Protein backbone atom coordinates (compact mmCIF):
# COMPACT_ATOMS: atom_id res chain seq x y z
CA MET A 1 24.35 -3.25 -24.07
CA ALA A 2 22.69 -6.66 -24.35
CA LYS A 3 24.50 -7.39 -27.63
CA ASN A 4 27.87 -6.41 -26.13
CA SER A 5 27.30 -8.60 -23.07
CA THR A 6 26.27 -11.54 -25.24
CA LYS A 7 29.33 -11.13 -27.50
CA LEU A 8 31.62 -10.88 -24.47
CA TYR A 9 30.12 -14.02 -22.93
CA LYS A 10 30.53 -15.94 -26.21
CA LYS A 11 34.14 -14.74 -26.47
CA HIS A 12 34.90 -15.99 -22.96
CA LEU A 13 33.10 -19.26 -23.66
CA VAL A 14 35.14 -19.86 -26.81
CA ALA A 15 38.34 -19.12 -24.88
CA LEU A 16 37.33 -21.55 -22.15
CA ILE A 17 36.39 -24.36 -24.53
CA SER A 18 39.60 -23.90 -26.55
CA GLU A 19 41.57 -24.15 -23.26
CA GLU A 20 42.93 -20.61 -23.56
CA CYS A 21 41.71 -20.03 -19.99
CA ASP A 22 40.60 -22.21 -17.07
CA LEU A 23 37.94 -20.09 -15.37
CA ILE A 24 35.36 -17.40 -16.22
CA LEU A 25 35.16 -14.94 -13.33
CA ALA A 26 31.70 -13.54 -13.97
CA VAL A 27 28.18 -13.77 -12.66
CA ILE A 28 26.95 -16.74 -14.66
CA ARG A 29 23.43 -17.96 -14.11
CA GLN A 30 22.57 -21.58 -14.68
CA THR A 31 20.71 -22.28 -17.89
CA PRO A 32 20.30 -25.59 -19.76
CA GLU A 33 22.53 -24.35 -22.59
CA ARG A 34 25.31 -23.23 -20.24
CA LEU A 35 25.18 -26.47 -18.27
CA ARG A 36 25.93 -28.38 -21.47
CA LEU A 37 28.96 -26.22 -22.31
CA LEU A 38 30.37 -25.28 -18.90
CA GLU A 39 31.16 -26.84 -15.57
CA LEU A 40 29.38 -24.43 -13.25
CA LEU A 41 30.76 -24.23 -9.73
CA HIS A 42 28.86 -24.14 -6.48
CA PRO A 43 26.80 -20.91 -6.55
CA TRP A 44 28.16 -18.10 -4.44
CA MET A 45 25.02 -15.98 -4.89
CA TYR A 46 21.31 -16.70 -5.13
CA SER A 47 19.50 -13.95 -6.97
CA GLN A 48 15.82 -13.28 -6.35
CA THR A 49 13.78 -12.38 -9.42
CA ALA A 50 11.11 -9.68 -9.27
CA PHE A 51 9.56 -6.81 -11.22
CA ILE A 52 10.12 -3.08 -11.35
CA ILE A 53 6.80 -1.27 -11.45
CA PRO A 54 5.84 2.41 -11.37
CA MET A 55 5.69 3.85 -7.89
CA PRO A 56 2.01 3.76 -6.87
CA GLU A 57 0.66 7.24 -6.23
CA VAL A 58 -1.91 8.17 -3.63
CA SER A 59 -5.05 9.35 -5.35
CA GLN A 60 -5.93 12.82 -4.07
CA ASN A 61 -9.23 12.79 -5.92
CA ASN A 62 -11.72 11.00 -3.69
CA VAL A 63 -14.86 12.57 -5.07
CA ASP A 64 -16.33 9.24 -6.14
CA ALA A 65 -16.19 7.94 -2.54
CA VAL A 66 -19.86 8.81 -2.11
CA ILE A 67 -20.83 6.44 -4.94
CA LYS A 68 -18.25 3.67 -4.62
CA PRO A 69 -19.55 1.91 -1.45
CA PHE A 70 -22.52 0.52 -3.39
CA GLN A 71 -22.38 -1.30 -6.69
CA LEU A 72 -24.29 -0.04 -9.70
CA TRP A 73 -27.13 -2.52 -9.37
CA VAL A 74 -27.65 -1.48 -5.72
CA TRP A 75 -28.01 2.16 -6.74
CA MET A 76 -30.42 1.18 -9.51
CA ALA A 77 -32.53 -0.87 -7.09
CA LEU A 78 -32.53 2.05 -4.62
CA ILE A 79 -33.69 4.49 -7.32
CA LEU A 80 -36.42 2.04 -8.33
CA ALA A 81 -37.57 1.68 -4.72
CA PHE A 82 -37.48 5.47 -4.28
CA ALA A 83 -39.70 6.02 -7.33
CA SER A 84 -42.00 3.15 -6.40
CA VAL A 85 -42.68 4.48 -2.87
CA ILE A 86 -43.47 7.96 -4.20
CA ALA A 87 -45.75 6.51 -6.90
CA ILE A 88 -47.60 4.20 -4.49
CA LEU A 89 -48.15 6.90 -1.86
CA SER A 90 -49.31 9.36 -4.52
CA CYS A 91 -51.74 6.79 -5.95
CA PHE A 92 -53.13 6.01 -2.49
CA ASN A 93 -53.54 9.70 -1.77
CA ARG A 94 -55.45 10.36 -5.01
CA LEU A 95 -57.51 7.18 -4.65
CA PHE A 96 -58.68 8.05 -1.15
CA GLN A 97 -59.47 11.60 -2.15
CA SER A 98 -61.57 10.67 -5.20
CA LYS A 99 -63.25 7.31 -4.63
CA GLY A 100 -63.19 6.90 -0.87
CA ARG A 101 -64.45 10.31 0.10
CA SER A 102 -68.18 9.66 -0.41
CA ILE A 103 -68.10 6.30 1.39
CA ILE A 104 -66.09 7.56 4.33
CA GLU A 105 -68.19 10.71 4.69
CA GLN A 106 -71.40 8.65 4.74
CA ASP A 107 -70.14 6.24 7.41
CA ASN A 108 -68.14 8.61 9.57
CA PRO A 109 -67.40 12.06 8.15
CA SER A 110 -64.94 12.86 10.94
CA THR A 111 -62.51 10.19 9.73
CA PHE A 112 -61.99 11.69 6.28
CA PRO A 113 -59.33 14.25 7.23
CA SER A 114 -57.05 11.46 8.47
CA VAL A 115 -57.11 9.70 5.09
CA ARG A 116 -55.65 12.51 3.03
CA VAL A 117 -51.91 13.05 2.96
CA THR A 118 -51.41 16.76 3.44
CA GLU A 119 -47.59 16.71 3.61
CA SER A 120 -45.30 16.56 0.59
CA ILE A 121 -44.72 12.91 -0.25
CA PHE A 122 -41.58 13.62 -2.26
CA MET A 123 -39.94 15.65 0.54
CA TYR A 124 -40.84 12.99 3.09
CA VAL A 125 -39.23 10.18 1.04
CA VAL A 126 -36.14 12.30 0.35
CA GLY A 127 -35.85 13.35 4.02
CA THR A 128 -35.95 9.78 5.33
CA LEU A 129 -33.47 8.64 2.68
CA LEU A 130 -31.01 11.36 3.75
CA ASN A 131 -31.46 10.45 7.43
CA GLN A 132 -33.24 13.74 8.13
CA GLY A 133 -36.54 12.20 9.18
CA GLY A 134 -40.01 13.28 8.18
CA TYR A 135 -43.67 13.27 9.16
CA ILE A 136 -46.88 12.07 7.57
CA SER A 137 -50.04 12.69 9.57
CA ASN A 138 -52.08 10.08 7.75
CA THR A 139 -53.04 7.04 9.87
CA PHE A 140 -54.69 4.91 7.18
CA THR A 141 -53.36 1.34 7.27
CA PRO A 142 -52.19 0.91 3.62
CA ILE A 143 -50.22 4.16 3.77
CA ARG A 144 -48.72 3.26 7.16
CA LEU A 145 -47.59 -0.12 5.77
CA VAL A 146 -45.85 1.50 2.79
CA VAL A 147 -44.25 4.15 5.01
CA GLY A 148 -43.10 1.51 7.52
CA ALA A 149 -41.52 -0.64 4.80
CA TRP A 150 -39.70 2.41 3.40
CA CYS A 151 -38.43 3.43 6.86
CA LEU A 152 -37.12 -0.11 7.47
CA LEU A 153 -35.37 -0.12 4.11
CA THR A 154 -33.72 3.26 4.69
CA LEU A 155 -32.65 2.24 8.22
CA VAL A 156 -30.81 -0.83 6.92
CA LEU A 157 -29.34 0.93 3.89
CA LEU A 158 -28.07 3.93 5.85
CA ASN A 159 -26.28 1.77 8.42
CA VAL A 160 -24.75 -0.45 5.75
CA TYR A 161 -23.76 2.55 3.64
CA ASN A 162 -22.06 4.34 6.54
CA GLY A 163 -20.08 1.24 7.49
CA VAL A 164 -18.94 0.54 3.93
CA LEU A 165 -18.17 4.22 3.35
CA ILE A 166 -15.79 4.39 6.34
CA SER A 167 -13.99 1.26 5.14
CA TYR A 168 -13.77 2.58 1.60
CA VAL A 169 -12.38 6.02 2.43
CA THR A 170 -9.83 4.38 4.74
CA GLU A 171 -8.56 2.04 2.05
CA ALA A 172 -8.93 4.44 -0.89
CA GLY A 173 -6.13 6.65 0.39
CA ARG A 174 -3.57 3.87 0.24
CA PRO A 175 -1.51 3.62 -2.92
CA GLN A 176 -2.51 0.72 -5.12
CA PRO A 177 0.43 -0.90 -6.99
CA LEU A 178 0.16 -1.99 -10.59
CA ILE A 179 0.71 -5.60 -9.51
CA ASN A 180 0.88 -7.34 -6.13
CA THR A 181 1.96 -10.87 -6.99
CA PHE A 182 3.67 -12.71 -9.80
CA ASP A 183 0.35 -14.19 -10.92
CA ASP A 184 -1.04 -10.70 -11.61
CA VAL A 185 1.40 -10.32 -14.49
CA LEU A 186 0.27 -13.54 -16.15
CA SER A 187 -3.46 -13.24 -15.48
CA ASP A 188 -3.95 -9.58 -16.45
CA SER A 189 -3.78 -9.05 -20.21
CA ARG A 190 -3.34 -5.30 -19.73
CA ILE A 191 0.04 -5.79 -18.00
CA LEU A 192 2.95 -5.96 -20.47
CA LEU A 193 6.15 -7.80 -19.53
CA VAL A 194 9.58 -6.51 -20.61
CA LEU A 195 13.12 -7.81 -19.98
CA ASP A 196 16.69 -7.50 -21.28
CA LYS A 197 17.24 -9.19 -24.64
CA GLY A 198 19.84 -11.96 -24.72
CA PHE A 199 20.34 -12.15 -20.95
CA ALA A 200 19.74 -15.20 -18.75
CA GLY A 201 16.08 -14.42 -18.11
CA ASP A 202 15.39 -14.10 -21.82
CA ILE A 203 17.28 -17.29 -22.61
CA VAL A 204 15.45 -19.36 -19.98
CA ILE A 205 12.01 -18.06 -20.94
CA SER A 206 12.56 -18.16 -24.71
CA THR A 207 13.63 -21.82 -24.65
CA ALA A 208 10.75 -22.99 -22.43
CA GLU A 209 8.29 -25.46 -23.94
CA LYS A 210 5.81 -25.84 -21.10
CA GLY A 211 4.81 -24.62 -17.67
CA LEU A 212 5.14 -21.16 -16.18
CA TYR A 213 8.03 -20.06 -18.39
CA LYS A 214 6.05 -21.08 -21.50
CA THR A 215 3.22 -18.76 -20.39
CA MET A 216 5.73 -15.94 -19.93
CA LYS A 217 7.21 -16.72 -23.34
CA ASP A 218 3.80 -16.37 -25.01
CA LYS A 219 3.24 -13.07 -23.22
CA LEU A 220 6.61 -11.76 -24.42
CA ASN A 221 6.02 -12.87 -28.00
CA ALA A 222 2.62 -11.20 -28.09
CA HIS A 223 4.22 -7.72 -28.05
CA PRO A 224 7.13 -6.55 -30.24
CA ASN A 225 8.75 -4.26 -27.62
CA SER A 226 8.96 -6.87 -24.88
CA ARG A 227 12.73 -7.43 -25.25
CA CYS A 228 14.79 -4.31 -24.54
CA LEU A 229 18.24 -3.60 -25.96
CA SER A 230 19.25 -1.86 -22.73
CA THR A 231 18.10 -1.58 -19.13
CA GLN A 232 17.31 2.11 -19.60
CA GLN A 233 14.94 1.25 -22.44
CA CYS A 234 13.00 -1.07 -20.12
CA ILE A 235 12.95 1.58 -17.39
CA ASP A 236 11.59 4.17 -19.84
CA LEU A 237 8.79 1.79 -20.78
CA VAL A 238 7.92 1.22 -17.12
CA LYS A 239 7.78 4.98 -16.52
CA SER A 240 5.64 5.62 -19.59
CA LEU A 241 1.97 6.57 -19.26
CA PRO A 242 -0.47 4.98 -18.87
CA PRO A 243 1.37 2.59 -16.50
CA ARG A 244 1.19 -0.94 -17.88
CA TYR A 245 4.79 -2.20 -18.23
CA VAL A 246 6.67 -4.30 -15.64
CA TYR A 247 10.38 -5.05 -15.93
CA LEU A 248 11.61 -8.54 -15.01
CA ASN A 249 15.16 -8.91 -13.68
CA ALA A 250 17.17 -9.96 -10.66
CA VAL A 251 16.54 -7.91 -7.53
CA VAL A 252 20.15 -6.72 -7.49
CA GLY A 253 19.80 -5.32 -11.00
CA LEU A 254 16.44 -3.78 -10.16
CA LYS A 255 17.89 -2.02 -7.12
CA ALA A 256 20.70 -0.62 -9.26
CA ALA A 257 18.16 0.72 -11.76
CA ILE A 258 16.08 2.29 -8.98
CA LYS A 259 19.16 3.92 -7.45
CA LYS A 260 20.26 5.29 -10.83
CA ASP A 261 16.83 6.71 -11.59
CA TYR A 262 16.61 8.32 -8.14
CA MET A 263 20.04 9.92 -8.52
CA GLN A 264 18.94 11.41 -11.84
CA THR A 265 15.45 12.61 -10.93
CA ARG A 266 15.58 12.87 -7.10
CA GLN A 267 12.11 11.32 -7.14
CA CYS A 268 10.91 7.84 -6.31
CA LYS A 269 9.23 6.83 -9.55
CA LEU A 270 10.03 3.10 -9.38
CA THR A 271 9.67 0.30 -6.87
CA ILE A 272 9.88 -3.51 -6.73
CA ALA A 273 6.92 -5.88 -6.51
CA GLY A 274 5.91 -9.47 -7.20
CA GLU A 275 8.85 -11.42 -5.78
CA PRO A 276 7.97 -15.12 -6.24
CA PRO A 277 9.80 -17.37 -3.75
CA PHE A 278 10.24 -20.11 -6.37
CA MET A 279 12.24 -17.99 -8.85
CA LYS A 280 15.63 -17.74 -7.17
CA GLN A 281 18.45 -18.08 -9.68
CA ALA A 282 21.84 -19.46 -8.74
CA ALA A 283 24.91 -17.56 -9.98
CA GLY A 284 28.56 -18.57 -9.87
CA TRP A 285 31.74 -19.05 -11.87
CA GLY A 286 32.29 -21.24 -14.90
CA LEU A 287 34.97 -23.86 -15.54
CA ALA A 288 35.74 -25.95 -18.58
CA LYS A 289 34.11 -29.34 -18.81
CA ASN A 290 35.87 -32.02 -16.71
CA SER A 291 38.15 -29.42 -15.16
CA PRO A 292 40.48 -30.78 -12.43
CA TYR A 293 39.98 -27.60 -10.39
CA ARG A 294 36.28 -28.10 -9.82
CA GLU A 295 36.48 -29.63 -6.32
CA GLU A 296 39.01 -27.08 -5.11
CA PHE A 297 36.85 -24.17 -6.21
CA ASN A 298 33.75 -25.76 -4.69
CA ARG A 299 35.49 -26.26 -1.34
CA GLY A 300 36.78 -22.67 -1.46
CA THR A 301 33.28 -21.35 -2.16
CA ALA A 302 31.88 -23.39 0.74
CA ARG A 303 34.55 -21.91 3.03
CA LEU A 304 33.56 -18.39 1.97
CA PHE A 305 29.99 -19.19 2.92
CA ASP A 306 31.04 -20.58 6.31
CA VAL A 307 32.95 -17.46 7.34
CA GLY A 308 30.21 -15.17 6.01
CA LEU A 309 32.32 -13.35 3.42
CA THR A 310 29.90 -13.90 0.54
CA SER A 311 26.96 -12.33 2.39
CA PHE A 312 29.23 -9.54 3.66
CA TRP A 313 30.43 -8.72 0.15
CA GLN A 314 26.91 -8.97 -1.26
CA ASN A 315 25.54 -6.51 1.31
CA TRP A 316 28.55 -4.26 0.81
CA TYR A 317 28.26 -3.93 -2.95
CA GLU A 318 24.49 -4.28 -3.27
CA PRO A 319 22.94 -0.99 -4.48
CA ASP A 320 21.11 1.03 -1.86
CA SER A 321 17.62 1.58 -3.24
CA LYS A 322 16.37 3.61 -0.25
CA PRO A 323 14.21 5.65 0.12
CA CYS A 324 12.31 4.29 -2.90
CA TYR A 325 12.48 0.64 -1.89
CA ASP A 326 13.38 -1.10 1.35
CA ASP A 327 13.36 -4.87 1.80
CA LYS A 328 11.99 -4.57 5.33
CA ASP A 329 9.17 -2.22 4.40
CA ASN A 330 8.21 -3.88 1.10
CA GLY A 331 9.40 -7.33 0.18
CA GLY A 332 10.45 -8.45 3.64
CA LEU A 333 7.30 -7.58 5.54
CA ASN A 334 6.22 -10.36 7.85
CA LYS A 335 2.68 -11.49 7.16
CA ASN A 336 2.02 -11.93 10.88
CA GLU A 337 2.89 -8.32 11.65
CA LYS A 338 -0.03 -5.99 12.20
CA LYS A 339 -0.57 -3.30 9.61
CA PRO A 340 -0.34 0.26 10.92
CA LEU A 341 -3.61 1.97 11.65
CA VAL A 342 -4.82 4.42 9.04
CA ARG A 343 -6.42 7.62 10.32
CA LEU A 344 -9.01 9.53 8.39
CA SER A 345 -7.99 12.91 7.06
CA LEU A 346 -9.53 15.63 4.92
CA THR A 347 -8.16 13.83 1.86
CA ASN A 348 -10.33 10.81 2.65
CA LEU A 349 -13.41 13.00 2.99
CA THR A 350 -12.98 14.90 -0.26
CA GLY A 351 -16.02 13.21 -1.73
CA ALA A 352 -18.31 14.27 1.12
CA PHE A 353 -17.15 17.88 0.88
CA ALA A 354 -17.57 17.81 -2.90
CA VAL A 355 -21.17 16.63 -2.57
CA LEU A 356 -21.78 19.29 0.09
CA ALA A 357 -20.35 21.97 -2.20
CA VAL A 358 -22.52 20.82 -5.10
CA GLY A 359 -25.59 20.84 -2.85
CA CYS A 360 -24.83 24.35 -1.60
CA ALA A 361 -24.29 25.57 -5.15
CA MET A 362 -27.60 24.08 -6.28
CA SER A 363 -29.36 25.64 -3.26
CA ILE A 364 -27.94 29.08 -4.06
CA LEU A 365 -28.93 28.77 -7.71
CA THR A 366 -32.44 27.67 -6.73
CA PHE A 367 -32.70 30.57 -4.29
CA LEU A 368 -31.60 33.06 -6.95
CA ALA A 369 -34.06 31.55 -9.42
CA GLU A 370 -36.89 31.96 -6.91
CA ILE A 371 -35.93 35.60 -6.32
CA ILE A 372 -35.86 36.26 -10.08
CA ILE A 373 -39.26 34.59 -10.57
CA PHE A 374 -40.71 36.50 -7.61
CA LEU A 375 -39.41 39.84 -8.88
CA LYS A 376 -40.70 39.06 -12.37
CA LYS A 377 -44.16 38.28 -11.02
CA GLU A 378 -44.14 41.46 -8.93
CA SER A 379 -43.15 43.53 -11.94
CA ASP A 380 -45.88 41.88 -14.02
CA LYS A 381 -48.47 42.66 -11.32
CA LYS A 382 -47.30 46.25 -11.08
CA TRP A 383 -47.36 46.64 -14.84
CA SER A 384 -50.87 45.16 -14.99
CA SER A 385 -52.15 47.41 -12.22
CA ASP A 386 -50.63 50.50 -13.82
CA ASN A 387 -52.16 49.70 -17.18
CA GLY A 388 -55.54 48.98 -15.59
CA TRP A 389 -55.49 52.26 -13.64
CA ARG A 390 -54.65 54.21 -16.78
CA ARG A 391 -57.52 52.61 -18.60
């Protein structure tokens, strides 16, 4: 398709230069090469350039929501603090039982029972960490200081964790696009850029020697499949898995591709993103160099703009890309408009229910293991008593 379009354009250009015709009635974008060969008229259409990306899908798997609110180093520090508190309390408990018993009993024997920690230290630390509370009857100052520091730490961490968790589960349900801005394509090495070979976008980028287009040129040259022979080939690359391709073209062409794909699949698998305001391309008709009709055509084009026919025709023939893409809902969203509120649903709380299910399963398995051990001990006792009675 690209080769046929390029051959047709060259054929028209040769006919125009050889004075076989006076005007090329086609959508001709302004490029340095075409400006040297043609007399381009006043543009009757300004085409916005953007990218087709895969339709972002809402992740239904939110199991990792319980872990995501904290970074890895925070979890590591929390585990270290958890182990340290248990170790310190256990050391204090053993120290007071072994070395301090004789001294305390000589001075005041009645104070010794308050030194020993009779409760389970591990269960106390776990209970406070899970916001279930706990109790340690010991009133000795070093132990009270350690317990107080741990309670303060868990109080702060639990409040911070709950706040971050609510924010995370609210945002995690929203679909995340492959790119958001034009800069994401250039800055992320994992994103691969594709476009139609031989068309205006390819010509402008391939001839660039510096600046933004030079960066795009290097990105295209880094991969062999960056220039497609047809629009469908680019669309197939964008729809391939894992999603990493973005297709650069004019918005009008992108809408036509989205509409065609939706008519074939009846699914919204494509959308438009990353519309830079500085990449609007002018398109118009082409005349021969030094043509005497230039001013007349320019005045006629200006009159069409004044009466609104150009915008009317453009809206009339522009492909309808709904429901997959809407300018008002996507590209034309006002930054000052408030975003709609997002309500929590069972999908957002999948992670909490998953952790609850794992905990219940572990509790049931532990309970069954205790029953098996108990029955085994009872059978061993019975067997021992029977053998002893027979002897």
